[in-house]
Amino acid sequence: MEIIKPKIKVRYGNISASVWDNERVVNGQKVIIESVSLQKVWKDKRDNFQNSTINLDKKDFMKVIMCLQETYMKMNMESKS
């Protein structure tokens, strides 16, 4: 069995993003659609590793970045009040 690896992987501490090529058939043609997996890994109270993953299509990626950026800015503005 072949182990499939992401074509790109970026990690900042316990957060990582992986880019995957997904082959699909669109209008009878094979096309490659990129997707991104965001993952957070942490240890629970019993010292067991846990993780949470969200998978995004490339078309949604910038919306998520903008949403997180605006949320971060609002959180910082709120904490300064």
N, C-alpha and C. Protein backbone atom coordinates (compact mmCIF):
# COMPACT_ATOMS: atom_id res chain seq x y z
N MET A 1 0.84 -1.18 0.00
CA MET A 1 0.00 0.00 0.00
C MET A 1 0.88 1.25 0.00
N GLU A 2 0.59 2.16 -0.92
CA GLU A 2 1.37 3.38 -1.05
C GLU A 2 0.91 4.43 -0.05
N ILE A 3 1.87 5.03 0.65
CA ILE A 3 1.55 6.11 1.58
C ILE A 3 1.46 7.41 0.79
N ILE A 4 0.32 8.05 0.86
CA ILE A 4 0.12 9.31 0.13
C ILE A 4 0.54 10.46 1.04
N LYS A 5 1.43 11.31 0.53
CA LYS A 5 1.93 12.44 1.29
C LYS A 5 1.43 13.73 0.64
N PRO A 6 1.27 14.78 1.46
CA PRO A 6 0.86 16.06 0.88
C PRO A 6 1.96 16.62 0.00
N LYS A 7 1.57 17.45 -0.99
CA LYS A 7 2.60 18.04 -1.84
C LYS A 7 3.27 19.23 -1.16
N ILE A 8 2.59 19.83 -0.19
CA ILE A 8 3.16 20.92 0.62
C ILE A 8 2.70 20.70 2.05
N LYS A 9 3.59 20.93 3.01
CA LYS A 9 3.21 20.88 4.42
C LYS A 9 3.94 22.00 5.14
N VAL A 10 3.18 22.81 5.89
CA VAL A 10 3.73 23.92 6.65
C VAL A 10 3.27 23.75 8.09
N ARG A 11 4.19 23.98 9.04
CA ARG A 11 3.85 23.81 10.46
C ARG A 11 4.33 25.01 11.26
N TYR A 12 3.45 25.49 12.14
CA TYR A 12 3.79 26.51 13.13
C TYR A 12 3.35 25.96 14.47
N GLY A 13 4.31 25.47 15.24
CA GLY A 13 3.98 24.87 16.54
C GLY A 13 3.07 23.68 16.37
N ASN A 14 1.91 23.74 17.03
CA ASN A 14 0.97 22.61 16.98
C ASN A 14 -0.09 22.76 15.88
N ILE A 15 0.09 23.74 14.99
CA ILE A 15 -0.83 23.96 13.87
C ILE A 15 -0.11 23.64 12.57
N SER A 16 -0.77 22.88 11.69
CA SER A 16 -0.15 22.58 10.39
C SER A 16 -1.19 22.70 9.27
N ALA A 17 -0.68 22.97 8.08
CA ALA A 17 -1.50 23.01 6.87
C ALA A 17 -0.84 22.11 5.83
N SER A 18 -1.64 21.28 5.20
CA SER A 18 -1.15 20.37 4.16
C SER A 18 -1.96 20.59 2.88
N VAL A 19 -1.26 20.60 1.75
CA VAL A 19 -1.92 20.76 0.45
C VAL A 19 -1.93 19.40 -0.25
N TRP A 20 -3.10 19.03 -0.74
CA TRP A 20 -3.30 17.74 -1.39
C TRP A 20 -3.80 17.94 -2.81
N ASP A 21 -3.37 17.08 -3.72
CA ASP A 21 -3.93 17.02 -5.07
C ASP A 21 -4.99 15.94 -5.09
N ASN A 22 -6.20 16.29 -5.50
CA ASN A 22 -7.30 15.34 -5.59
C ASN A 22 -7.73 15.23 -7.04
N GLU A 23 -7.69 14.02 -7.55
CA GLU A 23 -8.09 13.78 -8.94
C GLU A 23 -9.59 13.59 -9.01
N ARG A 24 -10.23 14.37 -9.90
CA ARG A 24 -11.67 14.27 -10.12
C ARG A 24 -11.96 14.28 -11.61
N VAL A 25 -13.13 13.82 -11.97
CA VAL A 25 -13.56 13.87 -13.36
C VAL A 25 -14.60 14.97 -13.49
N VAL A 26 -14.30 15.95 -14.35
CA VAL A 26 -15.20 17.07 -14.61
C VAL A 26 -15.45 17.12 -16.11
N ASN A 27 -16.70 17.03 -16.49
CA ASN A 27 -17.08 17.01 -17.91
C ASN A 27 -16.31 15.94 -18.69
N GLY A 28 -16.12 14.78 -18.07
CA GLY A 28 -15.45 13.68 -18.73
C GLY A 28 -13.93 13.77 -18.75
N GLN A 29 -13.38 14.84 -18.17
CA GLN A 29 -11.92 15.03 -18.15
C GLN A 29 -11.40 14.88 -16.73
N LYS A 30 -10.25 14.21 -16.58
CA LYS A 30 -9.59 14.14 -15.28
C LYS A 30 -8.92 15.48 -15.00
N VAL A 31 -9.21 16.03 -13.83
CA VAL A 31 -8.59 17.28 -13.40
C VAL A 31 -8.06 17.11 -11.98
N ILE A 32 -7.07 17.92 -11.65
CA ILE A 32 -6.52 17.93 -10.30
C ILE A 32 -7.10 19.13 -9.56
N ILE A 33 -7.73 18.87 -8.44
CA ILE A 33 -8.29 19.90 -7.58
C ILE A 33 -7.47 19.92 -6.29
N GLU A 34 -6.92 21.09 -5.96
CA GLU A 34 -6.15 21.19 -4.72
C GLU A 34 -7.08 21.43 -3.54
N SER A 35 -6.73 20.82 -2.41
CA SER A 35 -7.45 21.06 -1.16
C SER A 35 -6.42 21.27 -0.06
N VAL A 36 -6.86 21.88 1.03
CA VAL A 36 -5.99 22.17 2.16
C VAL A 36 -6.59 21.55 3.41
N SER A 37 -5.74 20.87 4.19
CA SER A 37 -6.15 20.34 5.48
C SER A 37 -5.45 21.16 6.56
N LEU A 38 -6.24 21.75 7.47
CA LEU A 38 -5.68 22.44 8.62
C LEU A 38 -5.83 21.53 9.82
N GLN A 39 -4.76 21.39 10.60
CA GLN A 39 -4.80 20.47 11.74
C GLN A 39 -4.19 21.12 12.97
N LYS A 40 -4.85 20.90 14.11
CA LYS A 40 -4.32 21.32 15.41
C LYS A 40 -4.12 20.04 16.23
N VAL A 41 -2.95 19.91 16.85
CA VAL A 41 -2.63 18.75 17.68
C VAL A 41 -2.34 19.25 19.10
N TRP A 42 -2.85 18.53 20.12
CA TRP A 42 -2.60 18.90 21.50
C TRP A 42 -2.67 17.66 22.37
N LYS A 43 -2.21 17.81 23.62
CA LYS A 43 -2.31 16.72 24.59
C LYS A 43 -3.45 17.04 25.56
N ASP A 44 -4.26 16.01 25.86
CA ASP A 44 -5.36 16.20 26.80
C ASP A 44 -4.85 16.06 28.24
N LYS A 45 -5.77 16.10 29.19
CA LYS A 45 -5.41 16.03 30.61
C LYS A 45 -4.71 14.73 30.98
N ARG A 46 -4.95 13.69 30.21
CA ARG A 46 -4.33 12.38 30.47
C ARG A 46 -3.04 12.19 29.68
N ASP A 47 -2.57 13.26 29.06
CA ASP A 47 -1.33 13.25 28.28
C ASP A 47 -1.43 12.43 26.99
N ASN A 48 -2.66 12.26 26.48
CA ASN A 48 -2.88 11.59 25.20
C ASN A 48 -2.99 12.63 24.09
N PHE A 49 -2.37 12.35 22.95
CA PHE A 49 -2.47 13.27 21.83
C PHE A 49 -3.86 13.26 21.24
N GLN A 50 -4.35 14.45 20.93
CA GLN A 50 -5.65 14.65 20.27
C GLN A 50 -5.41 15.52 19.04
N ASN A 51 -6.33 15.47 18.09
CA ASN A 51 -6.22 16.36 16.94
C ASN A 51 -7.57 16.71 16.38
N SER A 52 -7.59 17.84 15.72
CA SER A 52 -8.79 18.31 15.04
C SER A 52 -8.37 18.79 13.66
N THR A 53 -9.11 18.37 12.64
CA THR A 53 -8.76 18.70 11.26
C THR A 53 -9.96 19.27 10.53
N ILE A 54 -9.71 20.27 9.70
CA ILE A 54 -10.73 20.81 8.81
C ILE A 54 -10.15 20.75 7.40
N ASN A 55 -10.96 20.30 6.45
CA ASN A 55 -10.54 20.20 5.05
C ASN A 55 -11.25 21.27 4.24
N LEU A 56 -10.48 21.99 3.41
CA LEU A 56 -11.01 23.10 2.63
C LEU A 56 -10.65 22.95 1.17
N ASP A 57 -11.58 23.32 0.31
CA ASP A 57 -11.25 23.44 -1.11
C ASP A 57 -10.43 24.71 -1.30
N LYS A 58 -9.62 24.72 -2.33
CA LYS A 58 -8.77 25.88 -2.61
C LYS A 58 -9.62 27.14 -2.74
N LYS A 59 -10.82 27.03 -3.30
CA LYS A 59 -11.67 28.21 -3.52
C LYS A 59 -12.14 28.83 -2.20
N ASP A 60 -12.14 28.09 -1.11
CA ASP A 60 -12.58 28.60 0.19
C ASP A 60 -11.42 29.11 1.05
N PHE A 61 -10.21 28.82 0.64
CA PHE A 61 -9.04 29.09 1.47
C PHE A 61 -8.89 30.57 1.82
N MET A 62 -9.01 31.46 0.84
CA MET A 62 -8.84 32.90 1.10
C MET A 62 -9.96 33.42 2.00
N LYS A 63 -11.17 32.88 1.87
CA LYS A 63 -12.28 33.30 2.74
C LYS A 63 -11.96 32.96 4.20
N VAL A 64 -11.37 31.81 4.42
CA VAL A 64 -11.01 31.40 5.78
C VAL A 64 -9.91 32.32 6.32
N ILE A 65 -8.91 32.62 5.51
CA ILE A 65 -7.83 33.53 5.93
C ILE A 65 -8.41 34.89 6.33
N MET A 66 -9.27 35.44 5.48
CA MET A 66 -9.86 36.75 5.75
C MET A 66 -10.74 36.71 7.01
N CYS A 67 -11.50 35.67 7.19
CA CYS A 67 -12.36 35.52 8.35
C CYS A 67 -11.52 35.46 9.64
N LEU A 68 -10.47 34.67 9.63
CA LEU A 68 -9.61 34.56 10.80
C LEU A 68 -8.88 35.86 11.09
N GLN A 69 -8.42 36.53 10.03
CA GLN A 69 -7.72 37.79 10.21
C GLN A 69 -8.64 38.85 10.83
N GLU A 70 -9.86 38.96 10.32
CA GLU A 70 -10.80 39.94 10.88
C GLU A 70 -11.16 39.60 12.32
N THR A 71 -11.35 38.31 12.60
CA THR A 71 -11.66 37.89 13.97
C THR A 71 -10.52 38.25 14.91
N TYR A 72 -9.29 38.01 14.48
CA TYR A 72 -8.12 38.33 15.29
C TYR A 72 -8.05 39.83 15.58
N MET A 73 -8.29 40.65 14.55
CA MET A 73 -8.26 42.10 14.72
C MET A 73 -9.34 42.54 15.71
N LYS A 74 -10.56 42.01 15.59
CA LYS A 74 -11.64 42.39 16.49
C LYS A 74 -11.38 41.94 17.91
N MET A 75 -10.78 40.78 18.08
CA MET A 75 -10.44 40.31 19.42
C MET A 75 -9.43 41.24 20.07
N ASN A 76 -8.43 41.69 19.30
CA ASN A 76 -7.42 42.59 19.84
C ASN A 76 -8.02 43.96 20.15
N MET A 77 -8.94 44.45 19.32
CA MET A 77 -9.59 45.74 19.58
C MET A 77 -10.44 45.64 20.84
N GLU A 78 -11.13 44.50 21.02
CA GLU A 78 -11.98 44.30 22.18
C GLU A 78 -11.17 44.24 23.46
N SER A 79 -10.00 43.60 23.42
CA SER A 79 -9.18 43.46 24.62
C SER A 79 -8.56 44.79 25.04
N LYS A 80 -8.44 45.75 24.11
CA LYS A 80 -7.87 47.06 24.42
C LYS A 80 -8.91 48.00 24.99
N SER A 81 -10.19 47.63 24.90
CA SER A 81 -11.28 48.50 25.39
C SER A 81 -11.41 48.42 26.89
